């Protein structure tokens, strides 16, 4: 459909512009691209003063074209990453959407909502940042680390995690063998360099980061440091997310202590957790503790994901039903939540799996 709409449009442009002389097909292509950019989307450009035969005609020339043709070419041209307010149509940087999604879709994580939004918003709004943004997500499985990474991708990029500006590394899958660490180093460096060359504002996600070999972390350390460039390439607009289970028990202990003392969960602050997470990461057995990432203080924020309670599991169940276009009764949500395992054994306060298995579990409660 697009192709057939595009052909008569270009033919019409040619008919209206046949008084221009071109020395080659290349010149014609350049002309049409400039013509579209300058006259359809108000590009900041000037006619070529050295060749009066290729000066851009008046914008009024487009008045006779059907809007559907203009829209088709607009979509096609922008899909190549050639326009948009951000300068790159692959990038949206929707901070309003990020704030909304963190508030509405993420449950039981007031610290994550605040820290992630402020960190990313501040980074995006500061084009003169002296280093890439590096966040380390910590907590039990099922508390939302991957979910938040996806929310970030969805609001920074038009195609979300499918964008060519986003790269996910899963440690056991991409780097399974310690004996091949030297090979992985070269592959990882090349992948990061190629991604940033194609898209300066790239999002790199390292899942199960605690299993990364220390050599791999040190291999990418220069890209996270305070350098203007590394071998002629600037990495200062990149974002690195490390997702880890390190500190999960510590986070849970703090949450449990607050509950025992009668304090609200929402009263837990970053000062109660971040320094503990930093210390535990340094003392851990994984690659983080032995890497220059920690000794060089290159992680900007250690973000704690709190364990989820019964009420949060119910909200996750509600969202899972809603994603299928269903509105279950409260009793059904209670049944789903009750089917989960809760710990510690005495208090039965926190969901052992968080919300991870909820989308599958609701199948048992469908009509």
Foldseek 3Di string as FASTA:
>chain_A
DLVVLQVVVVVVVCVLLVQADDPDPVRVVVLVVCQLCCQVVVDPDFADPVDVSSGHDDSVSCVPDDVVSNVSVVVVCLVVQCDDPVSGQFFQQQLVQLLVCCVQVAPPAPLCSPPVSVQSVVLVVDPPFQFAAFEEEEAAAQLQQVVNQQSVQVNTGVVGCPGLLEDEAECCVLPVDPVCVVVSLVVVVVVVQVSCVVPLAHEYEYEQQQADALSNVQSCVVRLDRDCADPPGHNRNYYYYYYHHFCHVVLAVVQVVCVVVVHDSVPDDCVSPFVVSLVRQLVDPGSSVVHVCSVVVSHPGHRYRHFDFLVRLLVLLQVLQVVVVDGDDSVLSNVLSVVFAADDPVPSGGGNNHNVCNNVSCVVVDD
